[in-house]
């Protein structure tokens, strides 16, 4: 029985290693697979993203994040960078008091719409759809 369990564990390590190697890019660096959620293949311009962020701000969207958080960094990248997302983004490493007072949960990234926690929509297109912004 112990040999069977050990064989299964070793097999899982081998499969995991093979999957890891399969995800190496051309420079030999590990890459993490990401899921595309965009509904169109069109490239979004910076101006369109700025317009979306302005609309999201008008609709009461606030995103709380931290520079050390990989999910926060990915979210910021989805919006085109800190310069674009700035009107709706609160950096909790710089505004700790604001985050502790306003956040509903303690984990970042946290997205709120008019003070309500938004759990499901973490992409610009999804947020636009939820609050009624054109995108």
N, C-alpha and C. Protein backbone atom coordinates (compact mmCIF):
# COMPACT_ATOMS: atom_id res chain seq x y z
N UNK A 1 0.83 -1.19 0.00
CA UNK A 1 0.00 0.00 0.00
C UNK A 1 0.87 1.26 0.00
N UNK A 2 1.91 1.26 0.87
CA UNK A 2 2.79 2.42 0.93
C UNK A 2 3.53 2.61 -0.38
N UNK A 3 3.89 1.50 -1.04
CA UNK A 3 4.59 1.59 -2.32
C UNK A 3 3.69 2.19 -3.39
N UNK A 4 2.40 1.86 -3.34
CA UNK A 4 1.44 2.42 -4.31
C UNK A 4 1.29 3.93 -4.13
N UNK A 5 1.20 4.35 -2.89
CA UNK A 5 1.07 5.78 -2.60
C UNK A 5 2.34 6.51 -3.03
N UNK A 6 3.49 5.92 -2.73
CA UNK A 6 4.75 6.52 -3.13
C UNK A 6 4.85 6.61 -4.65
N UNK A 7 4.41 5.59 -5.35
CA UNK A 7 4.44 5.58 -6.82
C UNK A 7 3.53 6.67 -7.38
N UNK A 8 2.37 6.87 -6.76
CA UNK A 8 1.44 7.92 -7.20
C UNK A 8 2.07 9.29 -6.99
N UNK A 9 2.68 9.50 -5.84
CA UNK A 9 3.31 10.80 -5.55
C UNK A 9 4.43 11.07 -6.53
N UNK A 10 5.27 10.08 -6.79
CA UNK A 10 6.37 10.26 -7.74
C UNK A 10 5.81 10.55 -9.13
N UNK A 11 4.76 9.84 -9.51
CA UNK A 11 4.12 10.08 -10.81
C UNK A 11 3.60 11.50 -10.94
N UNK A 12 3.00 12.02 -9.87
CA UNK A 12 2.49 13.39 -9.88
C UNK A 12 3.63 14.40 -10.02
N UNK A 13 4.76 14.14 -9.35
CA UNK A 13 5.91 15.03 -9.49
C UNK A 13 6.43 15.02 -10.92
N UNK A 14 6.46 13.86 -11.52
CA UNK A 14 6.95 13.75 -12.91
C UNK A 14 6.02 14.49 -13.85
N UNK A 15 4.71 14.30 -13.69
CA UNK A 15 3.74 15.00 -14.54
C UNK A 15 3.83 16.50 -14.32
N UNK A 16 3.92 16.92 -13.05
CA UNK A 16 4.04 18.34 -12.75
C UNK A 16 5.30 18.93 -13.36
N UNK A 17 6.41 18.21 -13.27
CA UNK A 17 7.65 18.68 -13.88
C UNK A 17 7.53 18.81 -15.38
N UNK A 18 6.87 17.85 -16.00
CA UNK A 18 6.69 17.91 -17.46
C UNK A 18 5.82 19.11 -17.84
N UNK A 19 4.78 19.37 -17.07
CA UNK A 19 3.93 20.52 -17.35
C UNK A 19 4.70 21.82 -17.14
N UNK A 20 5.56 21.86 -16.13
CA UNK A 20 6.36 23.05 -15.88
C UNK A 20 7.29 23.31 -17.05
N UNK A 21 7.98 22.28 -17.51
CA UNK A 21 8.90 22.43 -18.63
C UNK A 21 8.13 22.86 -19.88
N UNK A 22 6.93 22.36 -20.06
CA UNK A 22 6.12 22.73 -21.22
C UNK A 22 5.74 24.20 -21.19
N UNK A 23 5.77 24.84 -20.02
CA UNK A 23 5.41 26.24 -19.90
C UNK A 23 6.61 27.17 -19.89
N UNK A 24 7.77 26.69 -20.31
CA UNK A 24 8.94 27.56 -20.41
C UNK A 24 8.86 28.35 -21.70
N UNK A 25 9.21 29.63 -21.63
CA UNK A 25 9.21 30.43 -22.84
C UNK A 25 10.54 30.26 -23.58
N UNK A 26 10.73 31.01 -24.65
CA UNK A 26 11.92 30.84 -25.49
C UNK A 26 13.21 31.17 -24.75
N UNK A 27 13.15 31.93 -23.66
CA UNK A 27 14.34 32.25 -22.87
C UNK A 27 14.55 31.28 -21.72
N UNK A 28 13.72 30.24 -21.65
CA UNK A 28 13.84 29.27 -20.57
C UNK A 28 13.21 29.73 -19.27
N UNK A 29 12.44 30.81 -19.32
CA UNK A 29 11.77 31.31 -18.12
C UNK A 29 10.40 30.68 -17.99
N UNK A 30 10.01 30.36 -16.77
CA UNK A 30 8.69 29.78 -16.54
C UNK A 30 7.63 30.84 -16.79
N UNK A 31 6.58 30.44 -17.44
CA UNK A 31 5.47 31.35 -17.67
C UNK A 31 4.22 30.75 -17.06
N UNK A 32 3.34 31.62 -16.62
CA UNK A 32 2.11 31.16 -16.00
C UNK A 32 1.01 31.34 -17.03
N UNK A 33 0.26 30.31 -17.25
CA UNK A 33 -0.84 30.38 -18.22
C UNK A 33 -1.89 31.36 -17.70
N UNK A 34 -2.45 32.11 -18.60
CA UNK A 34 -3.51 33.03 -18.21
C UNK A 34 -4.72 32.76 -19.07
N UNK A 35 -5.87 33.09 -18.54
CA UNK A 35 -7.11 32.87 -19.25
C UNK A 35 -7.55 34.19 -19.85
N UNK A 36 -7.85 34.17 -21.13
CA UNK A 36 -8.31 35.37 -21.81
C UNK A 36 -9.80 35.53 -21.55
N UNK A 37 -10.20 36.73 -21.16
CA UNK A 37 -11.61 36.96 -20.92
C UNK A 37 -12.15 38.06 -21.82
N UNK A 38 -11.33 38.56 -22.69
CA UNK A 38 -11.81 39.61 -23.56
C UNK A 38 -12.80 39.03 -24.55
N UNK A 39 -13.76 39.82 -24.91
CA UNK A 39 -14.80 39.35 -25.81
C UNK A 39 -14.47 39.66 -27.26
N UNK A 40 -13.45 40.44 -27.49
CA UNK A 40 -13.12 40.79 -28.86
C UNK A 40 -11.62 40.72 -29.05
N UNK A 41 -11.23 40.54 -30.28
CA UNK A 41 -9.81 40.46 -30.61
C UNK A 41 -9.22 41.85 -30.88
N UNK A 42 -10.04 42.89 -30.84
CA UNK A 42 -9.58 44.24 -31.11
C UNK A 42 -8.67 44.74 -30.01
N UNK A 43 -7.66 45.48 -30.41
CA UNK A 43 -6.75 46.10 -29.45
C UNK A 43 -7.41 47.37 -28.90
N UNK A 44 -7.39 47.53 -27.60
CA UNK A 44 -7.99 48.69 -26.95
C UNK A 44 -6.96 49.81 -26.91
N UNK A 45 -7.34 51.00 -27.34
CA UNK A 45 -6.41 52.11 -27.33
C UNK A 45 -6.32 52.70 -25.92
N UNK A 46 -5.26 53.45 -25.69
CA UNK A 46 -5.08 54.11 -24.41
C UNK A 46 -6.21 55.10 -24.14
N UNK A 47 -6.63 55.81 -25.17
CA UNK A 47 -7.72 56.78 -25.02
C UNK A 47 -9.02 56.09 -24.62
N UNK A 48 -9.30 54.93 -25.22
CA UNK A 48 -10.51 54.19 -24.87
C UNK A 48 -10.45 53.71 -23.42
N UNK A 49 -9.28 53.29 -22.99
CA UNK A 49 -9.14 52.82 -21.61
C UNK A 49 -9.29 53.99 -20.63
N UNK A 50 -8.74 55.14 -20.98
CA UNK A 50 -8.90 56.33 -20.13
C UNK A 50 -10.38 56.70 -20.03
N UNK A 51 -11.11 56.64 -21.15
CA UNK A 51 -12.54 56.93 -21.13
C UNK A 51 -13.28 55.93 -20.24
N UNK A 52 -12.89 54.66 -20.32
CA UNK A 52 -13.53 53.64 -19.48
C UNK A 52 -13.27 53.93 -18.01
N UNK A 53 -12.04 54.23 -17.66
CA UNK A 53 -11.71 54.51 -16.25
C UNK A 53 -12.50 55.72 -15.76
N UNK A 54 -12.64 56.75 -16.59
CA UNK A 54 -13.44 57.92 -16.21
C UNK A 54 -14.89 57.52 -15.94
N UNK A 55 -15.44 56.68 -16.81
CA UNK A 55 -16.82 56.21 -16.63
C UNK A 55 -16.93 55.36 -15.36
N UNK A 56 -15.96 54.47 -15.14
CA UNK A 56 -15.99 53.64 -13.94
C UNK A 56 -15.94 54.51 -12.68
N UNK A 57 -15.15 55.57 -12.73
CA UNK A 57 -15.07 56.49 -11.59
C UNK A 57 -16.43 57.14 -11.34
N UNK A 58 -17.08 57.58 -12.42
CA UNK A 58 -18.41 58.18 -12.30
C UNK A 58 -19.43 57.21 -11.71
N UNK A 59 -19.25 55.94 -11.98
CA UNK A 59 -20.17 54.90 -11.50
C UNK A 59 -19.81 54.41 -10.10
N UNK A 60 -18.76 54.98 -9.49
CA UNK A 60 -18.41 54.64 -8.11
C UNK A 60 -17.49 53.45 -7.94
N UNK A 61 -16.73 53.10 -8.97
CA UNK A 61 -15.81 51.97 -8.87
C UNK A 61 -14.51 52.42 -8.21
N UNK A 62 -14.07 51.66 -7.20
CA UNK A 62 -12.79 51.89 -6.53
C UNK A 62 -12.09 50.54 -6.43
N UNK A 63 -10.81 50.54 -6.78
CA UNK A 63 -10.00 49.32 -6.70
C UNK A 63 -8.90 49.55 -5.68
N UNK A 64 -8.85 48.68 -4.67
CA UNK A 64 -7.81 48.74 -3.65
C UNK A 64 -6.78 47.68 -3.96
N UNK A 65 -5.50 48.05 -3.95
CA UNK A 65 -4.45 47.10 -4.26
C UNK A 65 -3.15 47.46 -3.57
N UNK A 66 -2.17 46.60 -3.75
CA UNK A 66 -0.84 46.81 -3.19
C UNK A 66 0.21 46.43 -4.21
N UNK A 67 1.29 47.18 -4.25
CA UNK A 67 2.33 46.94 -5.24
C UNK A 67 2.99 45.57 -5.10
N UNK A 68 2.94 44.95 -3.93
CA UNK A 68 3.54 43.64 -3.71
C UNK A 68 2.63 42.49 -4.14
N UNK A 69 1.42 42.78 -4.52
CA UNK A 69 0.41 41.77 -4.84
C UNK A 69 0.42 41.45 -6.33
N UNK A 70 0.75 40.21 -6.72
CA UNK A 70 0.77 39.85 -8.14
C UNK A 70 -0.59 40.01 -8.82
N UNK A 71 -1.68 39.67 -8.14
CA UNK A 71 -3.00 39.83 -8.74
C UNK A 71 -3.33 41.30 -8.97
N UNK A 72 -2.87 42.16 -8.06
CA UNK A 72 -3.07 43.61 -8.23
C UNK A 72 -2.29 44.12 -9.43
N UNK A 73 -1.06 43.68 -9.56
CA UNK A 73 -0.23 44.08 -10.70
C UNK A 73 -0.85 43.65 -12.01
N UNK A 74 -1.39 42.44 -12.05
CA UNK A 74 -2.07 41.95 -13.26
C UNK A 74 -3.29 42.79 -13.58
N UNK A 75 -4.03 43.15 -12.56
CA UNK A 75 -5.22 43.98 -12.74
C UNK A 75 -4.83 45.35 -13.29
N UNK A 76 -3.78 45.94 -12.73
CA UNK A 76 -3.29 47.24 -13.20
C UNK A 76 -2.87 47.13 -14.67
N UNK A 77 -2.20 46.05 -15.02
CA UNK A 77 -1.79 45.84 -16.42
C UNK A 77 -2.99 45.71 -17.34
N UNK A 78 -4.05 45.05 -16.89
CA UNK A 78 -5.27 44.92 -17.70
C UNK A 78 -5.83 46.29 -18.07
N UNK A 79 -5.64 47.26 -17.18
CA UNK A 79 -6.13 48.62 -17.43
C UNK A 79 -5.10 49.49 -18.15
N UNK A 80 -3.93 48.97 -18.42
CA UNK A 80 -2.94 49.74 -19.17
C UNK A 80 -1.89 50.43 -18.33
N UNK A 81 -1.83 50.16 -17.04
CA UNK A 81 -0.80 50.74 -16.19
C UNK A 81 -1.35 51.67 -15.13
N UNK A 82 -0.46 52.03 -14.19
CA UNK A 82 -0.86 52.88 -13.06
C UNK A 82 -1.33 54.26 -13.50
N UNK A 83 -0.73 54.80 -14.55
CA UNK A 83 -1.11 56.15 -14.99
C UNK A 83 -2.57 56.19 -15.43
N UNK A 84 -3.03 55.11 -16.04
CA UNK A 84 -4.40 55.09 -16.54
C UNK A 84 -5.39 54.75 -15.43
N UNK A 85 -5.06 53.78 -14.60
CA UNK A 85 -6.00 53.30 -13.58
C UNK A 85 -6.04 54.21 -12.36
N UNK A 86 -5.12 55.14 -12.25
CA UNK A 86 -4.96 55.99 -11.06
C UNK A 86 -6.26 56.62 -10.53
N UNK A 87 -7.17 57.11 -11.38
CA UNK A 87 -8.38 57.74 -10.82
C UNK A 87 -9.28 56.80 -9.99
N UNK A 88 -9.15 55.49 -10.21
CA UNK A 88 -10.00 54.56 -9.47
C UNK A 88 -9.19 53.60 -8.59
N UNK A 89 -7.89 53.78 -8.54
CA UNK A 89 -7.02 52.84 -7.84
C UNK A 89 -6.45 53.46 -6.57
N UNK A 90 -6.53 52.71 -5.47
CA UNK A 90 -5.97 53.14 -4.19
C UNK A 90 -4.82 52.18 -3.86
N UNK A 91 -3.62 52.72 -3.77
CA UNK A 91 -2.43 51.93 -3.43
C UNK A 91 -2.35 51.84 -1.91
N UNK A 92 -2.64 50.66 -1.38
CA UNK A 92 -2.74 50.48 0.07
C UNK A 92 -1.40 50.57 0.80
N UNK A 93 -0.29 50.39 0.09
CA UNK A 93 1.00 50.56 0.78
C UNK A 93 1.29 52.03 1.02
N UNK A 94 0.61 52.92 0.29
CA UNK A 94 0.80 54.36 0.47
C UNK A 94 -0.36 55.01 1.21
N UNK A 95 -1.53 54.37 1.16
CA UNK A 95 -2.71 54.92 1.81
C UNK A 95 -3.31 53.88 2.76
N UNK A 96 -2.49 53.43 3.69
CA UNK A 96 -2.89 52.37 4.61
C UNK A 96 -4.15 52.72 5.40
N UNK A 97 -4.21 53.94 5.91
CA UNK A 97 -5.36 54.34 6.72
C UNK A 97 -6.65 54.31 5.91
N UNK A 98 -6.58 54.85 4.68
CA UNK A 98 -7.77 54.86 3.82
C UNK A 98 -8.23 53.42 3.55
N UNK A 99 -7.28 52.55 3.24
CA UNK A 99 -7.63 51.16 2.95
C UNK A 99 -8.25 50.48 4.17
N UNK A 100 -7.66 50.70 5.34
CA UNK A 100 -8.20 50.05 6.54
C UNK A 100 -9.58 50.58 6.89
N UNK A 101 -9.87 51.83 6.56
CA UNK A 101 -11.19 52.40 6.85
C UNK A 101 -12.24 52.01 5.81
N UNK A 102 -11.84 51.94 4.53
CA UNK A 102 -12.82 51.78 3.45
C UNK A 102 -12.99 50.36 2.95
N UNK A 103 -11.97 49.53 3.09
CA UNK A 103 -12.08 48.18 2.54
C UNK A 103 -13.05 47.33 3.35
N UNK A 104 -13.80 46.49 2.66
CA UNK A 104 -14.76 45.61 3.30
C UNK A 104 -14.07 44.36 3.82
N UNK A 105 -13.17 43.82 3.01
CA UNK A 105 -12.37 42.66 3.41
C UNK A 105 -10.93 43.13 3.57
N UNK A 106 -10.06 42.24 3.98
CA UNK A 106 -8.67 42.66 4.20
C UNK A 106 -7.73 42.21 3.09
N UNK A 107 -8.25 41.56 2.07
CA UNK A 107 -7.40 41.05 0.99
C UNK A 107 -7.49 41.94 -0.24
N UNK A 108 -6.35 42.17 -0.86
CA UNK A 108 -6.31 42.91 -2.11
C UNK A 108 -6.07 41.93 -3.25
N UNK A 109 -6.47 42.24 -4.45
CA UNK A 109 -7.22 43.42 -4.82
C UNK A 109 -8.68 43.32 -4.39
N UNK A 110 -9.22 44.45 -3.99
CA UNK A 110 -10.63 44.53 -3.66
C UNK A 110 -11.26 45.57 -4.57
N UNK A 111 -12.33 45.20 -5.21
CA UNK A 111 -13.05 46.12 -6.08
C UNK A 111 -14.39 46.41 -5.44
N UNK A 112 -14.71 47.69 -5.35
CA UNK A 112 -15.99 48.10 -4.82
C UNK A 112 -16.72 48.94 -5.87
N UNK A 113 -18.03 48.78 -5.88
CA UNK A 113 -18.90 49.61 -6.72
C UNK A 113 -19.87 50.29 -5.77
N UNK A 114 -19.76 51.60 -5.65
CA UNK A 114 -20.58 52.37 -4.72
C UNK A 114 -20.55 51.78 -3.31
N UNK A 115 -19.36 51.39 -2.86
CA UNK A 115 -19.20 50.88 -1.51
C UNK A 115 -19.61 49.43 -1.31
N UNK A 116 -20.05 48.76 -2.38
CA UNK A 116 -20.41 47.34 -2.29
C UNK A 116 -19.28 46.51 -2.88
N UNK A 117 -19.00 45.39 -2.27
CA UNK A 117 -17.95 44.50 -2.72
C UNK A 117 -18.33 43.85 -4.05
N UNK A 118 -17.41 43.88 -4.98
CA UNK A 118 -17.60 43.25 -6.28
C UNK A 118 -16.65 42.06 -6.33
N UNK A 119 -17.18 40.87 -6.31
CA UNK A 119 -16.35 39.67 -6.22
C UNK A 119 -15.97 39.07 -7.57
N UNK A 120 -16.77 39.26 -8.58
CA UNK A 120 -16.58 38.47 -9.79
C UNK A 120 -15.90 39.18 -10.95
N UNK A 121 -16.02 40.45 -11.06
CA UNK A 121 -15.57 41.15 -12.26
C UNK A 121 -14.23 41.81 -12.06
N UNK A 122 -13.17 41.16 -12.56
CA UNK A 122 -11.82 41.66 -12.36
C UNK A 122 -11.17 42.14 -13.66
N UNK A 123 -11.93 42.24 -14.72
CA UNK A 123 -11.39 42.68 -15.99
C UNK A 123 -12.14 43.91 -16.45
N UNK A 124 -11.47 44.80 -17.19
CA UNK A 124 -12.12 46.04 -17.61
C UNK A 124 -13.45 45.82 -18.32
N UNK A 125 -13.51 44.86 -19.23
CA UNK A 125 -14.74 44.61 -19.98
C UNK A 125 -15.88 44.19 -19.07
N UNK A 126 -15.57 43.35 -18.10
CA UNK A 126 -16.59 42.87 -17.16
C UNK A 126 -17.10 43.99 -16.26
N UNK A 127 -16.18 44.80 -15.76
CA UNK A 127 -16.59 45.93 -14.92
C UNK A 127 -17.45 46.91 -15.72
N UNK A 128 -17.04 47.18 -16.95
CA UNK A 128 -17.81 48.09 -17.81
C UNK A 128 -19.23 47.57 -17.98
N UNK A 129 -19.35 46.31 -18.26
CA UNK A 129 -20.66 45.69 -18.45
C UNK A 129 -21.50 45.79 -17.18
N UNK A 130 -20.89 45.51 -16.04
CA UNK A 130 -21.63 45.48 -14.78
C UNK A 130 -22.19 46.86 -14.40
N UNK A 131 -21.40 47.91 -14.63
CA UNK A 131 -21.86 49.23 -14.20
C UNK A 131 -22.51 50.05 -15.31
N UNK A 132 -22.49 49.52 -16.54
CA UNK A 132 -23.15 50.20 -17.65
C UNK A 132 -22.30 51.21 -18.39
N UNK A 133 -21.00 51.00 -18.42
CA UNK A 133 -20.11 51.87 -19.19
C UNK A 133 -19.92 51.27 -20.59
N UNK A 134 -19.86 52.12 -21.60
CA UNK A 134 -19.58 51.65 -22.96
C UNK A 134 -18.13 51.27 -23.07
N UNK A 135 -17.89 50.16 -23.76
CA UNK A 135 -16.52 49.71 -23.94
C UNK A 135 -16.41 48.90 -25.21
